[in-house]
Amino acid sequence: MTRQSGCSLLMAIAVLTPSCGSDATGPGGSSVSWSPMTSVTTADLAAVWGASASDVFAVGDSGRIVHFDGSAWHTMATPASAALTDVWGTAGDNVFAVGDSGRILHYDGSAWAIMPSSTTLHLSGVWGTASNDVFAVGEKGTILYYSGIEWGPLDSPVGTDLSSVWGASGSDVYAVGGAAALYPYIGTAGSILHFDGQEWTAVDYDGIWLNAVWVAPSHTAYAVGVFGGIVSSNGGAWGIVDSPSTLRLFDVWGAGSTDVYAVGFNGIILHYAGAGWGPVASGTGAALHGVWGASGTDVFAVGDGGVILRGTANIR
């Protein structure tokens, strides 16, 4: 996913929008309450993924990788010094991380190692269906594929930056991004690609720059981006969804098609419960760049300054 820490061109918008949302009382009502976790880093964190609630990885600036074992977060030794922008895996002993200069790392349960990636371009997203079926996307329309043996390029129908990749299956995968590589805060030329198991094609879409995409097993897809923009698809055309915020959204993840979270600037967390999106109190003003959950009632979010939040079941 794309991580941007500056917000100079959105300050006017930001000050008009509540930084932490509010208690979940509207259509986006959530069953979790968010609280800060004790972090072991002050580095900006860009993404989070886990094999379970007691096996969670977060990655960020300067190659930083931290791990949660169910009790506490710990810093992991890493061979990378370049910023890492996304992390995903099939299990706790098969995890991939991608980032600057085409860097791809793999964790086998014992140590992180560098994988040859065949590119020096920035990589922003990684996702797959199995250890031998993994996609990575990034700068200038880059799409890489890992077959279990090596990474290699796939034909891309666009030359614009891709920020994120996710799918419901190996034959239903989406990648999103946009055209304003240097100035994403004012970029409105977004792009959506789809992979059908054979080739990547550009989806008919004329909308905002998109930072992240998530696809439910039911094939319902959500993508988020600049100006609080949210778009969705049920397998057909993509449409704009009403958003309660104008703050830039960096990531989106769901436990199901009617239980979805989006995070972004000023600590904003939005939740979709089936009837609409609504803000949820986060307790932080730090930009949140990544969100992932072990379930709909155990969700993690990470962001600037090493901030780590956990949303757990609200028993009120």
Protein backbone atom coordinates (compact mmCIF):
# COMPACT_ATOMS: atom_id res chain seq x y z
CA MET A 1 0.00 0.00 0.00
CA THR A 2 1.06 3.61 -0.40
CA ARG A 3 2.33 5.39 2.71
CA GLN A 4 2.56 9.20 2.81
CA SER A 5 3.33 11.05 6.02
CA GLY A 6 3.06 14.64 4.77
CA CYS A 7 -0.25 16.41 4.59
CA SER A 8 0.46 19.98 3.56
CA LEU A 9 -2.05 20.03 0.75
CA LEU A 10 -4.83 18.61 2.91
CA MET A 11 -4.38 20.69 6.03
CA ALA A 12 -7.37 22.84 5.24
CA ILE A 13 -9.50 19.75 4.87
CA ALA A 14 -7.99 18.01 7.89
CA VAL A 15 -8.83 20.77 10.34
CA LEU A 16 -12.46 20.56 9.32
CA THR A 17 -12.71 16.85 10.02
CA PRO A 18 -12.70 15.23 13.49
CA SER A 19 -9.32 13.60 13.99
CA CYS A 20 -10.48 10.55 15.86
CA GLY A 21 -14.05 10.10 14.72
CA SER A 22 -16.68 9.39 17.37
CA ASP A 23 -18.26 6.50 19.15
CA ALA A 24 -19.89 4.08 16.77
CA THR A 25 -23.54 5.08 16.85
CA GLY A 26 -24.49 5.44 13.18
CA PRO A 27 -24.78 3.02 10.27
CA GLY A 28 -21.09 2.19 10.58
CA GLY A 29 -21.50 1.02 14.19
CA SER A 30 -18.63 -1.24 15.26
CA SER A 31 -18.48 -3.99 17.86
CA VAL A 32 -14.88 -3.15 18.83
CA SER A 33 -13.23 -0.49 20.97
CA TRP A 34 -9.73 0.71 20.09
CA SER A 35 -6.83 1.13 22.50
CA PRO A 36 -3.08 1.71 22.09
CA MET A 37 -0.59 -1.13 22.38
CA THR A 38 2.92 -0.77 23.77
CA SER A 39 5.12 -0.32 20.71
CA VAL A 40 8.82 -1.14 20.44
CA THR A 41 9.56 1.37 17.69
CA THR A 42 9.11 5.02 16.82
CA ALA A 43 9.57 4.34 13.12
CA ASP A 44 6.54 4.98 10.91
CA LEU A 45 4.73 1.71 10.28
CA ALA A 46 3.12 1.17 6.90
CA ALA A 47 1.35 -2.18 7.04
CA VAL A 48 0.23 -5.02 9.28
CA TRP A 49 -0.72 -8.66 8.70
CA GLY A 50 -0.93 -11.74 10.84
CA ALA A 51 -1.35 -15.48 10.72
CA SER A 52 -3.38 -15.22 13.93
CA ALA A 53 -3.98 -12.80 16.80
CA SER A 54 -0.80 -14.10 18.44
CA ASP A 55 1.37 -14.04 15.32
CA VAL A 56 1.23 -10.54 13.82
CA PHE A 57 3.82 -8.69 11.72
CA ALA A 58 4.11 -4.94 11.04
CA VAL A 59 6.60 -3.28 8.67
CA GLY A 60 7.75 0.27 8.02
CA ASP A 61 10.52 2.80 7.58
CA SER A 62 14.20 1.81 7.40
CA GLY A 63 13.34 -1.85 6.96
CA ARG A 64 11.77 -2.02 10.43
CA ILE A 65 9.80 -5.20 11.20
CA VAL A 66 8.07 -5.83 14.50
CA HIS A 67 6.22 -8.95 15.65
CA PHE A 68 3.44 -9.56 18.17
CA ASP A 69 3.47 -12.97 19.86
CA GLY A 70 0.19 -12.61 21.70
CA SER A 71 1.79 -10.99 24.74
CA ALA A 72 4.09 -8.24 23.49
CA TRP A 73 5.62 -6.67 20.39
CA HIS A 74 9.27 -7.40 19.60
CA THR A 75 11.71 -6.02 17.03
CA MET A 76 12.82 -8.56 14.42
CA ALA A 77 16.25 -8.72 12.79
CA THR A 78 15.99 -7.74 9.13
CA PRO A 79 18.46 -7.68 6.22
CA ALA A 80 16.80 -4.59 4.72
CA SER A 81 17.42 -0.92 5.39
CA ALA A 82 15.03 0.40 2.74
CA ALA A 83 11.48 1.29 3.74
CA LEU A 84 9.00 -1.59 3.68
CA THR A 85 5.48 -0.77 2.56
CA ASP A 86 3.43 -3.97 2.78
CA VAL A 87 3.39 -7.41 4.36
CA TRP A 88 1.34 -10.55 3.74
CA GLY A 89 1.70 -14.29 4.13
CA THR A 90 0.03 -17.68 4.08
CA ALA A 91 1.25 -18.67 7.56
CA GLY A 92 3.58 -17.49 10.29
CA ASP A 93 6.48 -19.28 8.63
CA ASN A 94 5.75 -18.02 5.11
CA VAL A 95 5.57 -14.23 5.10
CA PHE A 96 6.46 -11.73 2.36
CA ALA A 97 7.31 -8.03 2.74
CA VAL A 98 7.89 -5.52 -0.08
CA GLY A 99 9.21 -1.98 -0.31
CA ASP A 100 11.59 0.57 -1.79
CA SER A 101 14.01 -0.23 -4.63
CA GLY A 102 12.20 -3.44 -5.52
CA ARG A 103 13.00 -5.00 -2.16
CA ILE A 104 11.24 -8.27 -1.34
CA LEU A 105 11.85 -10.14 1.91
CA HIS A 106 10.69 -13.59 2.95
CA TYR A 107 10.31 -15.02 6.46
CA ASP A 108 10.50 -18.78 6.90
CA GLY A 109 9.68 -18.88 10.59
CA SER A 110 13.31 -18.47 11.62
CA ALA A 111 14.76 -15.46 9.78
CA TRP A 112 14.02 -12.85 7.14
CA ALA A 113 15.95 -13.15 3.88
CA ILE A 114 16.18 -11.03 0.72
CA MET A 115 14.55 -12.48 -2.40
CA PRO A 116 15.69 -11.46 -5.91
CA SER A 117 12.79 -9.42 -7.29
CA SER A 118 13.80 -8.64 -10.90
CA THR A 119 13.09 -4.91 -10.39
CA THR A 120 14.52 -1.85 -8.67
CA LEU A 121 11.22 0.02 -8.80
CA HIS A 122 9.30 0.78 -5.62
CA LEU A 123 6.87 -1.96 -4.58
CA SER A 124 3.75 -0.99 -2.64
CA GLY A 125 1.58 -4.09 -2.27
CA VAL A 126 1.77 -7.86 -1.90
CA TRP A 127 -0.93 -10.55 -1.72
CA GLY A 128 -1.50 -14.11 -2.85
CA THR A 129 -3.53 -17.26 -2.50
CA ALA A 130 -0.73 -19.70 -1.66
CA SER A 131 3.03 -19.90 -1.19
CA ASN A 132 3.42 -20.43 -4.95
CA ASP A 133 0.82 -17.91 -6.10
CA VAL A 134 1.83 -14.42 -4.95
CA PHE A 135 1.52 -10.99 -6.60
CA ALA A 136 3.44 -7.78 -5.89
CA VAL A 137 2.63 -4.38 -7.41
CA GLY A 138 4.29 -0.99 -7.48
CA GLU A 139 5.73 1.95 -9.33
CA LYS A 140 5.04 2.53 -13.04
CA GLY A 141 2.46 -0.22 -13.27
CA THR A 142 4.87 -2.91 -12.08
CA ILE A 143 3.29 -6.31 -11.47
CA LEU A 144 5.43 -9.20 -10.27
CA TYR A 145 4.43 -12.83 -9.79
CA TYR A 146 5.98 -15.51 -7.59
CA SER A 147 5.41 -19.09 -8.68
CA GLY A 148 7.16 -20.65 -5.73
CA ILE A 149 10.49 -20.68 -7.57
CA GLU A 150 11.27 -17.08 -8.50
CA TRP A 151 9.74 -13.64 -8.97
CA GLY A 152 9.12 -12.44 -12.51
CA PRO A 153 7.26 -9.60 -14.25
CA LEU A 154 3.73 -9.87 -15.66
CA ASP A 155 2.37 -7.73 -18.48
CA SER A 156 0.65 -4.64 -17.08
CA PRO A 157 -1.97 -2.64 -18.99
CA VAL A 158 -0.96 0.63 -17.28
CA GLY A 159 2.20 2.62 -16.68
CA THR A 160 0.83 4.45 -13.64
CA ASP A 161 1.75 3.59 -10.07
CA LEU A 162 -0.04 0.71 -8.36
CA SER A 163 -0.51 0.95 -4.60
CA SER A 164 -2.21 -2.25 -3.49
CA VAL A 165 -3.28 -5.73 -4.54
CA TRP A 166 -5.86 -8.16 -3.09
CA GLY A 167 -8.20 -10.84 -4.35
CA ALA A 168 -10.89 -13.37 -3.57
CA SER A 169 -9.10 -16.10 -5.51
CA GLY A 170 -6.27 -16.58 -8.00
CA SER A 171 -8.70 -15.74 -10.79
CA ASP A 172 -10.31 -12.71 -9.14
CA VAL A 173 -7.57 -10.27 -8.16
CA TYR A 174 -7.62 -6.47 -8.12
CA ALA A 175 -4.81 -3.91 -8.09
CA VAL A 176 -5.41 -0.19 -7.60
CA GLY A 177 -3.39 3.01 -7.86
CA GLY A 178 -3.23 6.29 -9.67
CA ALA A 179 -1.41 8.58 -12.03
CA ALA A 180 -0.13 11.45 -9.87
CA ALA A 181 2.97 9.71 -8.54
CA LEU A 182 4.69 12.80 -7.14
CA TYR A 183 1.62 14.58 -5.85
CA PRO A 184 -0.90 11.98 -4.68
CA TYR A 185 -2.73 14.49 -2.52
CA ILE A 186 -4.10 16.21 -5.59
CA GLY A 187 -4.17 13.15 -7.83
CA THR A 188 -7.63 12.33 -9.11
CA ALA A 189 -6.70 9.95 -11.93
CA GLY A 190 -7.17 6.61 -10.23
CA SER A 191 -6.83 3.19 -11.81
CA ILE A 192 -8.21 -0.28 -11.14
CA LEU A 193 -6.86 -3.47 -12.73
CA HIS A 194 -8.32 -6.98 -12.65
CA PHE A 195 -6.67 -10.38 -13.08
CA ASP A 196 -8.88 -13.25 -14.25
CA GLY A 197 -6.30 -15.97 -13.87
CA GLN A 198 -4.91 -15.39 -17.36
CA GLU A 199 -4.18 -11.69 -17.83
CA TRP A 200 -4.41 -8.29 -16.22
CA THR A 201 -6.85 -5.80 -17.77
CA ALA A 202 -7.78 -2.23 -16.94
CA VAL A 203 -11.23 -1.78 -15.40
CA ASP A 204 -13.45 1.01 -16.70
CA TYR A 205 -12.98 3.50 -13.86
CA ASP A 206 -12.78 7.29 -13.85
CA GLY A 207 -12.30 8.38 -10.28
CA ILE A 208 -9.97 9.27 -7.43
CA TRP A 209 -6.45 8.04 -6.79
CA LEU A 210 -6.78 4.80 -4.80
CA ASN A 211 -4.39 3.71 -2.05
CA ALA A 212 -5.69 0.28 -1.09
CA VAL A 213 -8.08 -2.49 -2.07
CA TRP A 214 -9.59 -5.41 -0.17
CA VAL A 215 -11.75 -8.18 -1.61
CA ALA A 216 -14.11 -10.36 0.42
CA PRO A 217 -14.38 -14.11 -0.21
CA SER A 218 -17.84 -13.29 -1.59
CA HIS A 219 -16.03 -11.24 -4.30
CA THR A 220 -17.34 -7.91 -2.98
CA ALA A 221 -14.46 -5.42 -3.28
CA TYR A 222 -13.73 -2.12 -1.55
CA ALA A 223 -11.06 0.44 -2.42
CA VAL A 224 -10.13 3.65 -0.59
CA GLY A 225 -8.11 6.71 -1.49
CA VAL A 226 -7.71 10.48 -1.42
CA PHE A 227 -10.30 12.89 0.00
CA GLY A 228 -11.94 10.11 2.03
CA GLY A 229 -12.99 8.39 -1.17
CA ILE A 230 -14.48 4.88 -1.06
CA VAL A 231 -15.55 2.84 -4.07
CA SER A 232 -16.91 -0.69 -4.23
CA SER A 233 -17.89 -3.47 -6.60
CA ASN A 234 -19.97 -6.62 -6.32
CA GLY A 235 -18.23 -8.16 -9.29
CA GLY A 236 -19.55 -5.63 -11.78
CA ALA A 237 -19.02 -1.90 -12.22
CA TRP A 238 -17.29 0.08 -9.50
CA GLY A 239 -19.38 2.74 -7.81
CA ILE A 240 -18.79 5.59 -5.38
CA VAL A 241 -19.85 4.97 -1.78
CA ASP A 242 -20.89 7.74 0.61
CA SER A 243 -18.02 8.51 2.98
CA PRO A 244 -18.31 10.42 6.27
CA SER A 245 -14.81 11.90 5.88
CA THR A 246 -12.70 13.94 3.49
CA LEU A 247 -9.42 12.74 5.04
CA ARG A 248 -7.16 10.58 2.92
CA LEU A 249 -7.67 6.86 3.56
CA PHE A 250 -4.60 4.62 3.34
CA ASP A 251 -5.84 1.08 3.89
CA VAL A 252 -8.92 -1.12 4.03
CA TRP A 253 -9.56 -4.60 5.43
CA GLY A 254 -12.63 -6.59 6.35
CA ALA A 255 -13.71 -9.67 8.27
CA GLY A 256 -16.54 -9.97 5.76
CA SER A 257 -18.40 -7.98 3.15
CA THR A 258 -20.47 -6.20 5.85
CA ASP A 259 -17.72 -5.80 8.45
CA VAL A 260 -15.02 -3.59 6.92
CA TYR A 261 -12.52 -1.08 8.34
CA ALA A 262 -10.68 1.78 6.63
CA VAL A 263 -7.90 3.88 8.20
CA GLY A 264 -6.14 7.11 7.29
CA PHE A 265 -4.96 10.59 8.22
CA ASN A 266 -5.37 12.04 11.72
CA GLY A 267 -6.04 8.63 13.24
CA ILE A 268 -9.31 8.25 11.40
CA ILE A 269 -10.97 4.83 11.48
CA LEU A 270 -14.12 4.19 9.49
CA HIS A 271 -16.30 1.10 9.79
CA TYR A 272 -18.87 -0.41 7.44
CA ALA A 273 -21.52 -2.63 9.00
CA GLY A 274 -23.76 -3.15 5.99
CA ALA A 275 -25.90 0.00 6.13
CA GLY A 276 -23.18 2.61 5.60
CA TRP A 277 -19.77 3.84 6.71
CA GLY A 278 -19.29 5.64 10.01
CA PRO A 279 -16.39 6.97 12.10
CA VAL A 280 -15.07 5.10 15.13
CA ALA A 281 -13.01 6.66 17.94
CA SER A 282 -9.34 5.71 17.62
CA GLY A 283 -7.79 7.72 20.44
CA THR A 284 -4.88 8.91 18.28
CA GLY A 285 -4.13 11.73 15.91
CA ALA A 286 -1.34 9.86 14.15
CA ALA A 287 -1.85 8.87 10.54
CA LEU A 288 -2.81 5.20 10.33
CA HIS A 289 -1.43 3.39 7.28
CA GLY A 290 -2.33 -0.26 7.78
CA VAL A 291 -5.20 -2.34 9.14
CA TRP A 292 -5.71 -6.10 9.51
CA GLY A 293 -7.66 -8.35 11.81
CA ALA A 294 -7.65 -11.91 13.08
CA SER A 295 -11.44 -11.54 13.22
CA GLY A 296 -14.07 -8.84 13.19
CA THR A 297 -13.60 -8.38 16.94
CA ASP A 298 -9.80 -8.44 17.05
CA VAL A 299 -8.32 -5.86 14.67
CA PHE A 300 -4.89 -4.17 14.51
CA ALA A 301 -3.99 -0.77 13.01
CA VAL A 302 -0.51 0.75 12.63
CA GLY A 303 0.83 4.14 11.66
CA ASP A 304 3.18 7.07 12.11
CA GLY A 305 5.60 7.15 15.02
CA GLY A 306 5.29 3.41 15.57
CA VAL A 307 1.68 3.73 16.72
CA ILE A 308 -0.08 0.38 17.11
CA LEU A 309 -3.77 0.13 18.00
CA ARG A 310 -5.87 -2.91 18.78
CA GLY A 311 -9.62 -3.08 18.41
CA THR A 312 -11.23 -5.72 20.55
CA ALA A 313 -14.78 -6.77 21.41
CA ASN A 314 -16.86 -3.97 22.89
CA ILE A 315 -18.83 -5.51 25.75
CA ARG A 316 -20.67 -2.37 26.79
